[in-house]
Protein backbone atom coordinates (compact mmCIF):
# COMPACT_ATOMS: atom_id res chain seq x y z
CA UNK A 1 -13.41 -24.45 -2.43
CA UNK A 2 -11.80 -20.98 -1.94
CA UNK A 3 -8.70 -20.35 -0.95
CA UNK A 4 -7.99 -17.89 1.95
CA UNK A 5 -5.94 -14.59 0.83
CA UNK A 6 -3.92 -15.64 3.67
CA UNK A 7 -3.12 -19.45 3.19
CA UNK A 8 -0.18 -18.85 1.03
CA UNK A 9 1.54 -15.97 3.28
CA UNK A 10 0.90 -18.02 6.39
CA UNK A 11 3.43 -20.80 5.18
CA UNK A 12 5.44 -18.54 2.13
CA UNK A 13 6.56 -15.17 1.38
CA UNK A 14 7.08 -14.11 5.10
CA UNK A 15 9.88 -14.49 7.03
CA UNK A 16 9.66 -17.79 9.39
CA UNK A 17 11.09 -15.86 12.63
CA UNK A 18 9.65 -13.54 15.00
CA UNK A 19 6.06 -14.38 16.93
CA UNK A 20 3.11 -15.95 15.91
CA UNK A 21 1.24 -12.41 16.62
CA UNK A 22 3.81 -10.44 14.34
CA UNK A 23 3.77 -13.04 11.81
CA UNK A 24 -0.32 -12.59 11.59
CA UNK A 25 -0.16 -9.17 11.44
CA UNK A 26 2.42 -9.45 8.88
CA UNK A 27 0.13 -11.61 6.31
CA UNK A 28 -2.71 -9.36 6.74
CA UNK A 29 -0.69 -6.26 5.70
CA UNK A 30 0.96 -7.89 2.99
CA UNK A 31 -2.17 -9.18 1.64
CA UNK A 32 -3.87 -5.70 1.89
CA UNK A 33 -0.76 -4.33 0.04
CA UNK A 34 -0.99 -6.62 -2.36
CA UNK A 35 -5.08 -6.23 -3.01
CA UNK A 36 -5.33 -9.56 -2.14
CA UNK A 37 -7.56 -8.64 1.19
CA UNK A 38 -10.65 -6.20 0.12
CA UNK A 39 -11.84 -3.11 2.54
CA UNK A 40 -14.84 -4.70 4.32
CA UNK A 41 -13.53 -7.88 4.76
CA UNK A 42 -14.23 -9.98 7.81
CA UNK A 43 -11.69 -11.06 9.19
CA UNK A 44 -12.70 -14.46 11.61
CA UNK A 45 -10.50 -15.54 14.81
CA UNK A 46 -11.35 -18.36 14.35
CA UNK A 47 -10.41 -18.90 10.88
CA UNK A 48 -7.23 -16.88 11.54
CA UNK A 49 -6.19 -19.64 14.72
CA UNK A 50 -6.89 -22.07 12.01
CA UNK A 51 -4.95 -20.92 9.30
CA UNK A 52 -1.53 -19.70 11.59
CA UNK A 53 -2.38 -22.90 13.60
CA UNK A 54 -2.23 -20.69 17.58
CA UNK A 55 -5.00 -19.43 19.96
CA UNK A 56 -7.32 -17.18 19.14
CA UNK A 57 -5.73 -15.00 22.06
CA UNK A 58 -2.40 -14.25 19.53
CA UNK A 59 -4.64 -13.81 16.55
CA UNK A 60 -6.76 -11.04 18.74
CA UNK A 61 -3.16 -9.35 19.75
CA UNK A 62 -2.82 -9.39 16.27
CA UNK A 63 -5.70 -7.80 15.25
CA UNK A 64 -5.31 -5.68 17.97
CA UNK A 65 -2.03 -4.09 16.21
CA UNK A 66 -3.36 -4.05 12.96
CA UNK A 67 -6.03 -1.75 14.34
CA UNK A 68 -3.54 0.19 15.98
CA UNK A 69 -2.13 0.23 12.30
CA UNK A 70 -5.31 1.34 10.71
CA UNK A 71 -5.60 -0.99 8.67
CA UNK A 72 -8.06 -3.45 10.46
CA UNK A 73 -11.45 -1.95 12.23
CA UNK A 74 -12.49 -3.53 15.54
CA UNK A 75 -16.25 -2.83 16.07
CA UNK A 76 -17.90 -4.19 19.08
CA UNK A 77 -20.46 -7.31 18.91
CA UNK A 78 -19.45 -7.66 15.29
CA UNK A 79 -15.76 -8.59 14.99
CA UNK A 80 -12.76 -7.37 12.96
CA UNK A 81 -13.14 -6.25 9.42
CA UNK A 82 -10.60 -4.81 6.96
CA UNK A 83 -10.73 -1.19 7.22
CA UNK A 84 -12.90 1.05 5.14
CA UNK A 85 -10.53 4.62 4.67
CA UNK A 86 -13.05 7.37 3.80
CA UNK A 87 -12.34 10.49 1.47
CA UNK A 88 -11.36 13.12 3.92
CA UNK A 89 -8.60 10.15 5.39
CA UNK A 90 -7.35 9.28 1.66
CA UNK A 91 -6.88 12.97 0.95
CA UNK A 92 -4.76 13.18 4.24
CA UNK A 93 -2.44 10.29 3.95
CA UNK A 94 -1.61 11.40 0.24
CA UNK A 95 -1.16 14.89 1.99
CA UNK A 96 1.42 13.82 4.25
CA UNK A 97 3.00 10.92 1.85
CA UNK A 98 3.60 14.20 -0.31
CA UNK A 99 5.49 16.38 2.85
CA UNK A 100 7.97 13.41 4.15
CA UNK A 101 8.95 11.54 0.42
CA UNK A 102 9.70 15.10 -0.81
CA UNK A 103 11.92 15.85 1.83
CA UNK A 104 13.36 12.39 2.20
CA UNK A 105 14.17 12.66 -1.81
CA UNK A 106 15.75 16.11 -1.73
CA UNK A 107 18.24 15.00 1.16
CA UNK A 108 18.80 11.57 -0.68
CA UNK A 109 19.62 13.75 -4.50
CA UNK A 110 22.73 15.30 -2.69
CA UNK A 111 24.49 12.04 -1.45
CA UNK A 112 23.04 8.69 -3.02
CA UNK A 113 25.74 6.35 -4.05
CA UNK A 114 26.34 3.88 -6.79
CA UNK A 115 25.36 1.53 -4.72
CA UNK A 116 22.45 3.09 -4.29
CA UNK A 117 21.60 3.43 -7.63
CA UNK A 118 22.27 0.31 -8.82
CA UNK A 119 19.83 -1.15 -5.87
CA UNK A 120 16.80 0.83 -7.43
CA UNK A 121 17.88 0.31 -10.89
CA UNK A 122 17.95 -3.83 -9.66
CA UNK A 123 14.20 -3.18 -7.82
CA UNK A 124 13.37 -1.12 -11.36
CA UNK A 125 14.05 -4.07 -13.29
CA UNK A 126 11.55 -6.35 -11.38
CA UNK A 127 8.89 -3.98 -11.84
CA UNK A 128 9.20 -4.06 -15.41
CA UNK A 129 8.99 -7.96 -15.15
CA UNK A 130 6.19 -8.21 -12.95
CA UNK A 131 4.38 -5.66 -15.16
CA UNK A 132 4.87 -7.37 -18.72
CA UNK A 133 3.94 -10.57 -16.54
CA UNK A 134 0.80 -9.32 -15.46
CA UNK A 135 1.66 -10.66 -12.34
CA UNK A 136 -0.61 -8.37 -10.38
CA UNK A 137 0.34 -9.09 -6.69
CA UNK A 138 4.29 -9.31 -7.42
CA UNK A 139 3.83 -5.43 -9.49
CA UNK A 140 2.21 -4.11 -6.29
CA UNK A 141 3.72 -5.26 -3.55
CA UNK A 142 6.94 -4.25 -5.83
CA UNK A 143 5.92 -0.71 -7.10
CA UNK A 144 4.66 0.13 -3.20
CA UNK A 145 8.10 -1.19 -1.57
CA UNK A 146 10.16 1.20 -4.04
CA UNK A 147 9.13 4.29 -1.64
CA UNK A 148 10.33 2.17 1.11
CA UNK A 149 13.34 1.24 -0.69
CA UNK A 150 14.15 5.05 -0.57
CA UNK A 151 13.24 5.69 2.60
CA UNK A 152 15.75 2.60 4.14
CA UNK A 153 18.54 4.63 1.93
CA UNK A 154 17.89 7.45 4.26
CA UNK A 155 19.29 4.87 7.03
CA UNK A 156 16.41 6.11 9.41
CA UNK A 157 14.60 2.57 10.45
CA UNK A 158 11.40 4.59 11.31
CA UNK A 159 10.97 6.94 8.75
CA UNK A 160 10.69 3.73 7.16
CA UNK A 161 8.14 2.17 8.88
CA UNK A 162 6.30 5.36 8.61
CA UNK A 163 6.26 5.01 5.01
CA UNK A 164 5.31 1.31 4.98
CA UNK A 165 2.12 2.14 6.87
CA UNK A 166 1.07 4.99 4.72
CA UNK A 167 1.51 2.57 1.97
CA UNK A 168 -0.27 0.10 3.43
CA UNK A 169 -3.16 2.20 3.93
CA UNK A 170 -2.95 4.07 0.34
CA UNK A 171 -3.27 0.12 -0.67
CA UNK A 172 -6.44 0.37 0.99
CA UNK A 173 -7.71 3.75 -0.45
CA UNK A 174 -6.80 2.36 -4.24
CA UNK A 175 -9.16 -1.01 -3.89
CA UNK A 176 -11.43 1.46 -1.77
CA UNK A 177 -11.78 4.41 -4.67
CA UNK A 178 -10.61 1.74 -7.90
CA UNK A 179 -7.48 4.14 -9.19
CA UNK A 180 -7.25 4.03 -12.72
CA UNK A 181 -3.86 4.75 -12.55
CA UNK A 182 -1.77 1.81 -14.27
CA UNK A 183 0.93 -0.23 -13.15
CA UNK A 184 3.02 -0.02 -16.05
CA UNK A 185 2.30 4.19 -15.51
CA UNK A 186 3.51 3.78 -11.75
CA UNK A 187 6.46 1.83 -13.07
CA UNK A 188 7.30 4.54 -15.60
CA UNK A 189 7.47 6.95 -13.34
CA UNK A 190 9.83 5.29 -11.30
CA UNK A 191 12.46 4.99 -13.69
CA UNK A 192 12.06 8.78 -14.47
CA UNK A 193 13.13 9.64 -10.54
CA UNK A 194 15.80 7.30 -10.13
CA UNK A 195 17.17 8.76 -14.18
CA UNK A 196 16.78 12.04 -11.82
CA UNK A 197 18.25 10.80 -8.74
CA UNK A 198 21.45 9.75 -11.16
CA UNK A 199 21.98 12.54 -12.30
CA UNK A 200 21.28 14.57 -9.03
CA UNK A 201 19.10 16.83 -10.25
CA UNK A 202 17.05 17.83 -7.37
CA UNK A 203 14.53 20.31 -9.01
CA UNK A 204 13.70 17.33 -11.40
CA UNK A 205 13.38 14.58 -8.97
CA UNK A 206 10.87 16.67 -6.87
CA UNK A 207 8.52 17.83 -9.57
CA UNK A 208 8.44 13.92 -10.89
CA UNK A 209 7.65 12.94 -7.24
CA UNK A 210 4.80 15.29 -6.80
CA UNK A 211 3.24 14.46 -10.29
CA UNK A 212 3.66 10.80 -9.32
CA UNK A 213 1.99 10.91 -6.73
CA UNK A 214 -0.13 13.53 -7.84
CA UNK A 215 -1.55 11.31 -10.61
CA UNK A 216 -2.00 8.57 -8.55
CA UNK A 217 -4.36 10.35 -6.18
CA UNK A 218 -6.10 12.58 -9.28
CA UNK A 219 -7.67 9.36 -10.46
CA UNK A 220 -8.84 8.07 -7.16
CA UNK A 221 -12.36 8.70 -7.85
CA UNK A 222 -12.36 10.41 -4.29
CA UNK A 223 -15.29 12.68 -4.81
CA UNK A 224 -18.56 11.42 -3.01
CA UNK A 225 -21.61 10.34 -5.25
CA UNK A 226 -24.24 12.19 -5.02
CA UNK A 227 -27.72 10.98 -6.14
CA UNK A 228 -29.54 13.15 -8.33
CA UNK A 229 -33.12 12.35 -6.74
CA UNK A 230 -35.06 13.47 -9.76
CA UNK A 231 -33.08 11.32 -12.03
CA UNK A 232 -34.17 8.07 -9.60
CA UNK A 233 -37.68 9.28 -8.15
CA UNK A 234 -39.46 11.27 -11.15
CA UNK A 235 -41.76 8.61 -12.92
CA UNK A 236 -40.35 7.96 -16.53
CA UNK A 237 -41.82 9.94 -19.15
CA UNK A 238 -41.83 9.17 -22.93
């Protein structure tokens, strides 16, 4: 018997507070970030209603919110599906991330506190442990959360939410285009960024961030695959 990638999220790992609609939205988003829900997966309203023990009306509200977040695509007469980002959208997401995160880290480098550095070191320790024990959902969530933790240190809730949304879309993009950039490499790059923040070396921070995001993007297969018609259709020759 197969287990829904949302079943565990419905009962654990998510805050008990908030409306049912918010819990459904959070569970689907978390499943995407942890790469348990693949692009193109159909989200059946009745199945979601059974998982969360609620009405289909509440499920529909959650799907509408996820659609506004561009994590779900609603198709008339067909239903809801986990979004499948296109190549141009993927490029644009990384372009926006570079702009936002560069400005964010440049500012943070000037005013980061010892308490914030301790928080980042604690997060890095969790990342290392998750990578070492090959906890794929855990390490994926932690590697994404690193960037959100940095955003929250700005004290700007809007910035943190925008970045969280972009990271969810980045997770979908990675699923679509099969990133070969390993979790261990990403974790090591996070370590280097925090070292540079602690040294208040803004030039190094920005260089390392650009390299980190560039490495992730470069390892995505964003180039459309063009079929060689001659190779496909020409008769085999001895």
